[in-house]
């Protein structure tokens, strides 16, 4: 489980990306790369990392559900995710 500082950093990056999204799009369309480079590094959406909404784990992230594989397995076994059931054959 990651530290709270890592989760907080991720939330901060998400806010900054939203704040500068329009400005980045305008600068890219106008091909003004000098001004684009002056924006904060965290304004780039490439620096975001998908994380589990419950644990904050970055690896084994399932995009469709927004959680990691470990949390997904536990929740699916308990029947907490609608439409998902354990396979048996």
C-alpha atoms as a PDB file:
ATOM      1  CA  UNK A   1       0.000   0.000   0.000  1.00  0.00           C
ATOM      2  CA  UNK A   2       1.543   3.313  -1.030  1.00  0.00           C
ATOM      3  CA  UNK A   3       2.196   6.152   1.323  1.00  0.00           C
ATOM      4  CA  UNK A   4      -0.360   8.902   1.711  1.00  0.00           C
ATOM      5  CA  UNK A   5       2.114  11.337   0.160  1.00  0.00           C
ATOM      6  CA  UNK A   6       2.081   9.341  -3.093  1.00  0.00           C
ATOM      7  CA  UNK A   7      -1.718   9.408  -3.210  1.00  0.00           C
ATOM      8  CA  UNK A   8      -1.754  13.132  -2.446  1.00  0.00           C
ATOM      9  CA  UNK A   9       0.799  13.800  -5.184  1.00  0.00           C
ATOM     10  CA  UNK A  10      -1.384  11.950  -7.682  1.00  0.00           C
ATOM     11  CA  UNK A  11      -4.475  13.974  -6.705  1.00  0.00           C
ATOM     12  CA  UNK A  12      -2.455  17.178  -7.039  1.00  0.00           C
ATOM     13  CA  UNK A  13      -1.306  16.184 -10.533  1.00  0.00           C
ATOM     14  CA  UNK A  14      -4.891  15.431 -11.589  1.00  0.00           C
ATOM     15  CA  UNK A  15      -5.986  18.922 -10.544  1.00  0.00           C
ATOM     16  CA  UNK A  16      -3.080  20.570 -12.375  1.00  0.00           C
ATOM     17  CA  UNK A  17      -3.774  18.586 -15.564  1.00  0.00           C
ATOM     18  CA  UNK A  18      -7.397  19.754 -15.542  1.00  0.00           C
ATOM     19  CA  UNK A  19      -6.358  23.341 -14.855  1.00  0.00           C
ATOM     20  CA  UNK A  20      -3.981  23.555 -17.835  1.00  0.00           C
ATOM     21  CA  UNK A  21      -5.819  21.288 -20.325  1.00  0.00           C
ATOM     22  CA  UNK A  22      -7.304  24.085 -22.459  1.00  0.00           C
ATOM     23  CA  UNK A  23      -4.089  26.093 -22.464  1.00  0.00           C
ATOM     24  CA  UNK A  24      -2.033  23.039 -23.482  1.00  0.00           C
ATOM     25  CA  UNK A  25      -4.434  22.212 -26.307  1.00  0.00           C
ATOM     26  CA  UNK A  26      -4.317  25.789 -27.636  1.00  0.00           C
ATOM     27  CA  UNK A  27      -0.506  25.928 -27.509  1.00  0.00           C
ATOM     28  CA  UNK A  28      -0.160  22.546 -29.209  1.00  0.00           C
ATOM     29  CA  UNK A  29      -2.589  23.500 -31.975  1.00  0.00           C
ATOM     30  CA  UNK A  30      -0.766  26.782 -32.566  1.00  0.00           C
ATOM     31  CA  UNK A  31       2.591  24.922 -32.450  1.00  0.00           C
ATOM     32  CA  UNK A  32       3.982  27.298 -29.850  1.00  0.00           C
ATOM     33  CA  UNK A  33       6.341  24.862 -28.172  1.00  0.00           C
ATOM     34  CA  UNK A  34       8.363  27.465 -26.315  1.00  0.00           C
ATOM     35  CA  UNK A  35       5.374  28.574 -24.258  1.00  0.00           C
ATOM     36  CA  UNK A  36       4.275  24.963 -23.903  1.00  0.00           C
ATOM     37  CA  UNK A  37       7.588  24.119 -22.246  1.00  0.00           C
ATOM     38  CA  UNK A  38       7.109  26.910 -19.710  1.00  0.00           C
ATOM     39  CA  UNK A  39       3.999  25.247 -18.290  1.00  0.00           C
ATOM     40  CA  UNK A  40       4.491  23.119 -15.172  1.00  0.00           C
ATOM     41  CA  UNK A  41       5.705  19.583 -15.777  1.00  0.00           C
ATOM     42  CA  UNK A  42       2.755  18.147 -13.885  1.00  0.00           C
ATOM     43  CA  UNK A  43       0.394  19.831 -16.370  1.00  0.00           C
ATOM     44  CA  UNK A  44       1.165  17.052 -18.829  1.00  0.00           C
ATOM     45  CA  UNK A  45      -1.349  14.175 -18.706  1.00  0.00           C
ATOM     46  CA  UNK A  46       1.475  11.730 -19.436  1.00  0.00           C
ATOM     47  CA  UNK A  47       2.696  12.130 -15.868  1.00  0.00           C
ATOM     48  CA  UNK A  48      -0.532  10.725 -14.435  1.00  0.00           C
ATOM     49  CA  UNK A  49      -0.559   7.136 -13.247  1.00  0.00           C
ATOM     50  CA  UNK A  50      -3.636   4.936 -12.966  1.00  0.00           C
ATOM     51  CA  UNK A  51      -4.148   3.988  -9.323  1.00  0.00           C
ATOM     52  CA  UNK A  52      -6.636   1.856  -7.419  1.00  0.00           C
ATOM     53  CA  UNK A  53      -9.333   4.068  -5.948  1.00  0.00           C
ATOM     54  CA  UNK A  54      -9.368   2.038  -2.723  1.00  0.00           C
ATOM     55  CA  UNK A  55      -5.757   1.112  -1.974  1.00  0.00           C
ATOM     56  CA  UNK A  56      -3.790   3.444  -4.238  1.00  0.00           C
ATOM     57  CA  UNK A  57      -1.911   0.533  -5.797  1.00  0.00           C
ATOM     58  CA  UNK A  58      -0.506   1.398  -9.229  1.00  0.00           C
ATOM     59  CA  UNK A  59       0.206  -2.068 -10.599  1.00  0.00           C
ATOM     60  CA  UNK A  60      -2.434  -4.548 -11.656  1.00  0.00           C
ATOM     61  CA  UNK A  61      -4.926  -1.739 -12.256  1.00  0.00           C
ATOM     62  CA  UNK A  62      -8.153  -2.714 -14.008  1.00  0.00           C
ATOM     63  CA  UNK A  63      -9.353   0.301 -15.980  1.00  0.00           C
ATOM     64  CA  UNK A  64     -12.926  -0.937 -16.412  1.00  0.00           C
ATOM     65  CA  UNK A  65     -13.492  -1.048 -12.654  1.00  0.00           C
ATOM     66  CA  UNK A  66     -10.974   1.526 -11.397  1.00  0.00           C
ATOM     67  CA  UNK A  67      -9.463  -0.861  -8.852  1.00  0.00           C
ATOM     68  CA  UNK A  68      -6.470  -3.186  -8.626  1.00  0.00           C
ATOM     69  CA  UNK A  69      -6.641  -6.895  -9.345  1.00  0.00           C
ATOM     70  CA  UNK A  70      -6.345  -7.819  -5.669  1.00  0.00           C
ATOM     71  CA  UNK A  71      -9.237  -5.619  -4.561  1.00  0.00           C
ATOM     72  CA  UNK A  72     -11.225  -6.772  -7.602  1.00  0.00           C
ATOM     73  CA  UNK A  73     -10.777 -10.414  -6.643  1.00  0.00           C
ATOM     74  CA  UNK A  74     -11.902  -9.839  -3.065  1.00  0.00           C
ATOM     75  CA  UNK A  75     -14.920  -7.774  -4.070  1.00  0.00           C
ATOM     76  CA  UNK A  76     -15.959 -10.224  -6.811  1.00  0.00           C
ATOM     77  CA  UNK A  77     -15.758 -13.139  -4.375  1.00  0.00           C
ATOM     78  CA  UNK A  78     -17.998 -11.289  -1.941  1.00  0.00           C
ATOM     79  CA  UNK A  79     -20.448 -10.429  -4.729  1.00  0.00           C
ATOM     80  CA  UNK A  80     -19.945  -6.672  -4.409  1.00  0.00           C
ATOM     81  CA  UNK A  81     -19.389  -6.038  -8.131  1.00  0.00           C
ATOM     82  CA  UNK A  82     -22.592  -6.332 -10.162  1.00  0.00           C
ATOM     83  CA  UNK A  83     -22.435  -8.623 -13.195  1.00  0.00           C
ATOM     84  CA  UNK A  84     -19.227 -10.345 -12.126  1.00  0.00           C
ATOM     85  CA  UNK A  85     -19.154 -13.869 -10.780  1.00  0.00           C
ATOM     86  CA  UNK A  86     -16.467 -16.421 -10.167  1.00  0.00           C
ATOM     87  CA  UNK A  87     -15.817 -18.721 -13.089  1.00  0.00           C
ATOM     88  CA  UNK A  88     -16.397 -22.444 -12.640  1.00  0.00           C
ATOM     89  CA  UNK A  89     -16.353 -25.267 -15.164  1.00  0.00           C
END
